[in-house]
Amino acid sequence: MTNRRIKGSTLYMWFVFILLYLPIFYLIYYSFNAGGTMNEFTGFTLEHYQTLFSDSRIMSFLMNTLIVALLSAFMATVIGTFGAISIYRMRSKKRKTTLLNLNNVLMVTPDVMMGASFLILFTLIIKIKFGFWTVLLAHIAFSIPIVVLMVLPRLYEMNRNMITAAKDLGANERQILSRIVIPSIWPGIISGFFMAFTYSLDDFAVTFFVTGNGFSTLAVEIYSRARMGVSLEINALSTLMFILALILVTGYYYIQVGETRRKARKFRSEKAVL
């Protein structure tokens, strides 16, 4: 019975993977099609990639996307890390639970609703022109809860005795933060940065509401072009974006593996001492 369940789970997993990845590989396959359509593969070519790199409009939007993603991920990581530390240090359990619930609500809020909220904020309250700054602020805002959720578990895994010992030895808050807390939660900080960068990279719904003044991102540009028919230039762009996402996921995986091995070595050394 157990073997049947394992086989059934394996088959289901492969079915899901095929269902999700088959359209992606279909796009990648036809990005090398010399025929110019996705109806029939007539021959191998790199023409669509050459067209992509010669398209100044796409390249400018690609730079916009990468700049916004890097800046928003960095700033959200800094704010989210210190936010997670503040939540961790709170003595009031009620206040801590309230903040965590509010943070989780932002994670499950529909992107359309969040985009509409930013639209109202920027037009009626702050009253600033849509463009780079509105997109950047919006991306920072929806990335912060992601970072908090990535960093907070690392804080709870941290050995509090190290902080107590540091205080007994006369260390101040800055020294404790820089020499004990940050190194202990560093893998969570890196993971939060990768997740925030990925979310910003492919966001469409929120960006669609707050972009303007000649500034746009790849997701919005691809959507506008897709309404007129998807060209193989977009296939080539999607292939490159998929490779970038694959690199990010691989980097995140090796960070997790390295952290697991480090903990295992630490556990073995502590066991040997005992």
Protein backbone atom coordinates (compact mmCIF):
# COMPACT_ATOMS: atom_id res chain seq x y z
CA MET A 1 0.00 0.00 0.00
CA THR A 2 2.83 2.37 0.91
CA ASN A 3 4.67 1.67 -2.37
CA ARG A 4 1.49 2.39 -4.32
CA ARG A 5 1.10 5.72 -2.56
CA ILE A 6 4.71 6.63 -3.31
CA LYS A 7 4.29 5.71 -6.98
CA GLY A 8 1.02 7.66 -7.15
CA SER A 9 2.67 10.72 -5.58
CA THR A 10 5.60 10.47 -8.00
CA LEU A 11 3.30 10.24 -11.02
CA TYR A 12 1.26 13.20 -9.79
CA MET A 13 4.45 15.23 -9.26
CA TRP A 14 5.67 14.47 -12.79
CA PHE A 15 2.25 15.35 -14.18
CA VAL A 16 2.31 18.74 -12.46
CA PHE A 17 5.88 19.45 -13.61
CA ILE A 18 5.04 18.55 -17.22
CA LEU A 19 1.88 20.68 -17.09
CA LEU A 20 3.81 23.69 -15.80
CA TYR A 21 7.03 23.40 -17.79
CA LEU A 22 5.72 22.20 -21.17
CA PRO A 23 4.45 25.68 -22.23
CA ILE A 24 7.78 27.21 -21.15
CA PHE A 25 9.81 24.73 -23.19
CA TYR A 26 7.39 25.28 -26.08
CA LEU A 27 8.24 29.01 -26.04
CA ILE A 28 11.96 28.28 -25.76
CA TYR A 29 11.84 25.77 -28.63
CA TYR A 30 10.15 28.19 -31.03
CA SER A 31 12.46 31.08 -30.06
CA PHE A 32 14.97 29.38 -32.38
CA ASN A 33 12.47 28.89 -35.23
CA ALA A 34 13.48 30.37 -38.58
CA GLY A 35 9.86 30.34 -39.77
CA GLY A 36 8.77 33.34 -37.74
CA THR A 37 5.67 31.69 -36.27
CA MET A 38 4.84 29.04 -33.69
CA ASN A 39 2.84 26.93 -36.12
CA GLU A 40 5.71 24.92 -37.61
CA PHE A 41 9.43 24.63 -36.88
CA THR A 42 11.22 25.18 -40.18
CA GLY A 43 14.84 25.53 -39.06
CA PHE A 44 17.26 26.71 -36.38
CA THR A 45 18.19 30.41 -36.18
CA LEU A 46 19.41 33.03 -33.72
CA GLU A 47 17.78 35.84 -35.69
CA HIS A 48 15.12 36.53 -33.05
CA TYR A 49 17.80 36.99 -30.39
CA GLN A 50 19.66 39.39 -32.66
CA THR A 51 16.41 41.31 -33.25
CA LEU A 52 15.83 41.40 -29.50
CA PHE A 53 19.23 42.90 -28.71
CA SER A 54 18.87 45.46 -31.51
CA ASP A 55 15.47 46.59 -30.20
CA SER A 56 16.37 49.72 -28.22
CA ARG A 57 12.88 50.00 -26.72
CA ILE A 58 13.01 46.49 -25.22
CA MET A 59 16.58 47.03 -24.02
CA SER A 60 15.62 50.26 -22.25
CA PHE A 61 12.71 48.52 -20.53
CA LEU A 62 15.02 45.65 -19.59
CA MET A 63 17.39 48.12 -17.93
CA ASN A 64 14.44 49.77 -16.16
CA THR A 65 13.29 46.39 -14.88
CA LEU A 66 16.72 45.35 -13.61
CA ILE A 67 17.40 48.72 -11.95
CA VAL A 68 14.02 48.72 -10.18
CA ALA A 69 14.39 45.07 -9.17
CA LEU A 70 17.90 45.53 -7.75
CA LEU A 71 17.15 48.79 -5.93
CA SER A 72 13.79 47.66 -4.55
CA ALA A 73 15.21 44.28 -3.46
CA PHE A 74 18.16 45.96 -1.70
CA MET A 75 16.05 48.57 0.10
CA ALA A 76 13.30 46.08 0.97
CA THR A 77 15.94 43.70 2.34
CA VAL A 78 17.39 46.39 4.60
CA ILE A 79 13.97 47.57 5.84
CA GLY A 80 12.55 44.05 6.10
CA THR A 81 15.58 42.76 8.01
CA PHE A 82 15.40 45.49 10.63
CA GLY A 83 11.62 45.08 10.73
CA ALA A 84 12.00 41.36 11.43
CA ILE A 85 14.55 42.10 14.17
CA SER A 86 12.15 44.61 15.75
CA ILE A 87 9.31 42.09 15.68
CA TYR A 88 11.59 39.43 17.16
CA ARG A 89 12.63 41.69 20.05
CA MET A 90 9.08 42.75 20.95
CA ARG A 91 8.09 41.70 24.44
CA SER A 92 4.36 42.17 23.92
CA LYS A 93 3.04 38.95 22.41
CA LYS A 94 -0.21 40.65 21.36
CA ARG A 95 1.60 43.41 19.48
CA LYS A 96 3.94 40.90 17.84
CA THR A 97 1.01 38.74 16.69
CA THR A 98 -0.80 41.78 15.32
CA LEU A 99 2.21 42.89 13.27
CA LEU A 100 2.78 39.37 11.92
CA ASN A 101 -0.87 39.09 10.91
CA LEU A 102 -0.73 42.47 9.14
CA ASN A 103 2.43 41.34 7.36
CA ASN A 104 0.77 38.09 6.27
CA VAL A 105 -2.30 39.96 5.02
CA LEU A 106 -0.06 41.91 2.64
CA MET A 107 1.30 38.61 1.31
CA VAL A 108 -2.15 37.31 0.34
CA THR A 109 -3.65 40.61 -0.81
CA PRO A 110 -4.52 40.43 -4.56
CA ASP A 111 -2.08 42.36 -6.71
CA VAL A 112 -4.89 44.27 -8.41
CA MET A 113 -6.15 45.55 -5.07
CA MET A 114 -2.62 46.49 -4.01
CA GLY A 115 -2.03 48.28 -7.31
CA ALA A 116 -5.29 50.21 -6.96
CA SER A 117 -4.29 51.18 -3.41
CA PHE A 118 -0.97 52.56 -4.63
CA LEU A 119 -2.79 54.40 -7.41
CA ILE A 120 -4.99 56.17 -4.86
CA LEU A 121 -2.00 56.83 -2.58
CA PHE A 122 0.13 58.44 -5.29
CA THR A 123 -2.68 60.44 -6.94
CA LEU A 124 -4.80 61.64 -4.03
CA ILE A 125 -2.51 61.65 -0.98
CA ILE A 126 1.15 62.06 -1.98
CA LYS A 127 0.34 63.59 -5.38
CA ILE A 128 3.48 62.71 -7.31
CA LYS A 129 3.88 62.00 -11.03
CA PHE A 130 3.87 58.40 -12.13
CA GLY A 131 7.23 57.11 -13.27
CA PHE A 132 10.41 55.63 -11.84
CA TRP A 133 9.83 56.68 -8.22
CA THR A 134 6.25 55.44 -8.00
CA VAL A 135 7.23 52.06 -9.44
CA LEU A 136 10.25 51.82 -7.11
CA LEU A 137 8.24 52.73 -3.99
CA ALA A 138 5.51 50.25 -4.88
CA HIS A 139 8.02 47.44 -5.44
CA ILE A 140 9.77 48.19 -2.14
CA ALA A 141 6.44 48.14 -0.32
CA PHE A 142 5.24 44.75 -1.58
CA SER A 143 8.72 43.21 -1.18
CA ILE A 144 9.17 44.08 2.50
CA PRO A 145 6.69 41.43 3.82
CA ILE A 146 8.52 38.78 1.78
CA VAL A 147 11.85 39.68 3.39
CA VAL A 148 10.31 39.70 6.87
CA LEU A 149 8.97 36.17 6.35
CA MET A 150 12.37 34.96 5.13
CA VAL A 151 14.42 36.56 7.93
CA LEU A 152 12.17 36.00 10.95
CA PRO A 153 12.56 32.17 11.11
CA ARG A 154 16.35 32.61 11.11
CA LEU A 155 16.06 34.88 14.13
CA TYR A 156 14.11 32.25 16.05
CA GLU A 157 16.75 29.65 15.13
CA MET A 158 19.50 31.88 16.50
CA ASN A 159 21.14 30.92 19.81
CA ARG A 160 20.05 33.59 22.30
CA ASN A 161 22.82 32.55 24.69
CA MET A 162 25.31 34.20 22.34
CA ILE A 163 23.54 37.54 22.76
CA THR A 164 23.40 37.12 26.54
CA ALA A 165 27.10 36.26 26.65
CA ALA A 166 27.95 39.28 24.49
CA LYS A 167 26.03 41.59 26.83
CA ASP A 168 27.81 40.10 29.84
CA LEU A 169 31.13 40.83 28.15
CA GLY A 170 30.14 44.48 27.69
CA ALA A 171 29.12 44.53 24.02
CA ASN A 172 26.76 47.32 22.99
CA GLU A 173 23.70 46.94 20.74
CA ARG A 174 25.60 47.89 17.60
CA GLN A 175 28.30 45.29 18.23
CA ILE A 176 25.72 42.61 18.99
CA LEU A 177 23.86 43.43 15.80
CA SER A 178 26.91 43.51 13.53
CA ARG A 179 28.89 40.61 15.01
CA ILE A 180 26.23 38.17 16.20
CA VAL A 181 22.73 38.84 14.85
CA ILE A 182 23.53 39.72 11.21
CA PRO A 183 26.03 36.84 10.68
CA SER A 184 23.56 34.39 12.24
CA ILE A 185 20.69 35.40 9.96
CA TRP A 186 22.78 36.14 6.85
CA PRO A 187 21.38 33.18 4.80
CA GLY A 188 17.85 34.44 5.50
CA ILE A 189 18.82 37.95 4.40
CA ILE A 190 20.29 36.65 1.12
CA SER A 191 17.20 34.48 0.55
CA GLY A 192 14.96 37.48 1.20
CA PHE A 193 16.92 39.55 -1.33
CA PHE A 194 16.62 36.83 -4.00
CA MET A 195 12.88 36.46 -3.39
CA ALA A 196 12.29 40.23 -3.46
CA PHE A 197 14.35 40.55 -6.64
CA THR A 198 12.37 37.75 -8.32
CA TYR A 199 8.99 39.19 -7.30
CA SER A 200 9.96 42.63 -8.59
CA LEU A 201 11.36 41.22 -11.82
CA ASP A 202 8.11 39.68 -13.05
CA ASP A 203 5.51 41.90 -11.38
CA PHE A 204 2.85 43.19 -13.75
CA ALA A 205 -0.38 43.98 -11.89
CA VAL A 206 1.02 46.49 -9.38
CA THR A 207 3.41 48.07 -11.91
CA PHE A 208 0.60 48.51 -14.43
CA PHE A 209 -1.23 50.83 -12.00
CA VAL A 210 1.75 53.00 -11.04
CA THR A 211 3.82 53.27 -14.23
CA GLY A 212 3.78 56.34 -16.44
CA ASN A 213 5.68 59.39 -17.71
CA GLY A 214 7.49 57.27 -20.32
CA PHE A 215 8.78 54.81 -17.73
CA SER A 216 7.77 51.15 -17.98
CA THR A 217 9.03 47.64 -17.26
CA LEU A 218 9.31 44.47 -19.30
CA ALA A 219 6.17 42.89 -17.85
CA VAL A 220 4.01 45.84 -18.93
CA GLU A 221 5.69 46.06 -22.34
CA ILE A 222 5.25 42.32 -23.00
CA TYR A 223 1.57 42.59 -22.07
CA SER A 224 1.03 45.50 -24.46
CA ARG A 225 2.77 43.63 -27.28
CA ALA A 226 0.99 40.34 -26.57
CA ARG A 227 -2.36 41.98 -27.30
CA MET A 228 -1.17 42.52 -30.89
CA GLY A 229 0.16 38.96 -31.19
CA VAL A 230 3.19 37.35 -29.59
CA SER A 231 6.28 37.60 -31.80
CA LEU A 232 9.24 35.24 -31.55
CA GLU A 233 11.26 38.17 -30.25
CA ILE A 234 9.15 37.87 -27.08
CA ASN A 235 9.91 34.13 -27.08
CA ALA A 236 13.62 34.95 -27.09
CA LEU A 237 13.15 37.44 -24.25
CA SER A 238 11.12 34.91 -22.26
CA THR A 239 13.91 32.34 -22.74
CA LEU A 240 16.52 34.73 -21.34
CA MET A 241 14.28 35.65 -18.41
CA PHE A 242 13.70 31.96 -17.68
CA ILE A 243 17.46 31.34 -17.66
CA LEU A 244 17.93 34.28 -15.27
CA ALA A 245 15.22 32.90 -12.95
CA LEU A 246 16.89 29.48 -13.12
CA ILE A 247 20.22 31.01 -12.08
CA LEU A 248 18.56 32.77 -9.13
CA VAL A 249 16.81 29.59 -7.99
CA THR A 250 20.06 27.63 -8.29
CA GLY A 251 21.89 30.26 -6.25
CA TYR A 252 19.19 30.16 -3.59
CA TYR A 253 19.38 26.34 -3.53
CA TYR A 254 23.14 26.34 -2.95
CA ILE A 255 22.77 28.92 -0.19
CA GLN A 256 20.26 26.62 1.53
CA VAL A 257 22.48 23.56 1.03
CA GLY A 258 25.51 25.43 2.38
CA GLU A 259 23.56 26.55 5.44
CA THR A 260 22.34 22.98 6.10
CA ARG A 261 25.89 21.63 5.86
CA ARG A 262 27.18 24.37 8.15
CA LYS A 263 24.58 23.50 10.76
CA ALA A 264 25.42 19.80 10.45
CA ARG A 265 29.14 20.49 10.97
CA LYS A 266 28.38 22.73 13.94
CA PHE A 267 26.14 20.06 15.46
CA ARG A 268 28.83 17.38 15.02
CA SER A 269 31.52 19.61 16.57
CA GLU A 270 29.32 20.45 19.56
CA LYS A 271 28.47 16.76 19.98
CA ALA A 272 32.15 15.84 19.87
CA VAL A 273 32.92 18.39 22.61
CA LEU A 274 30.19 16.95 24.81
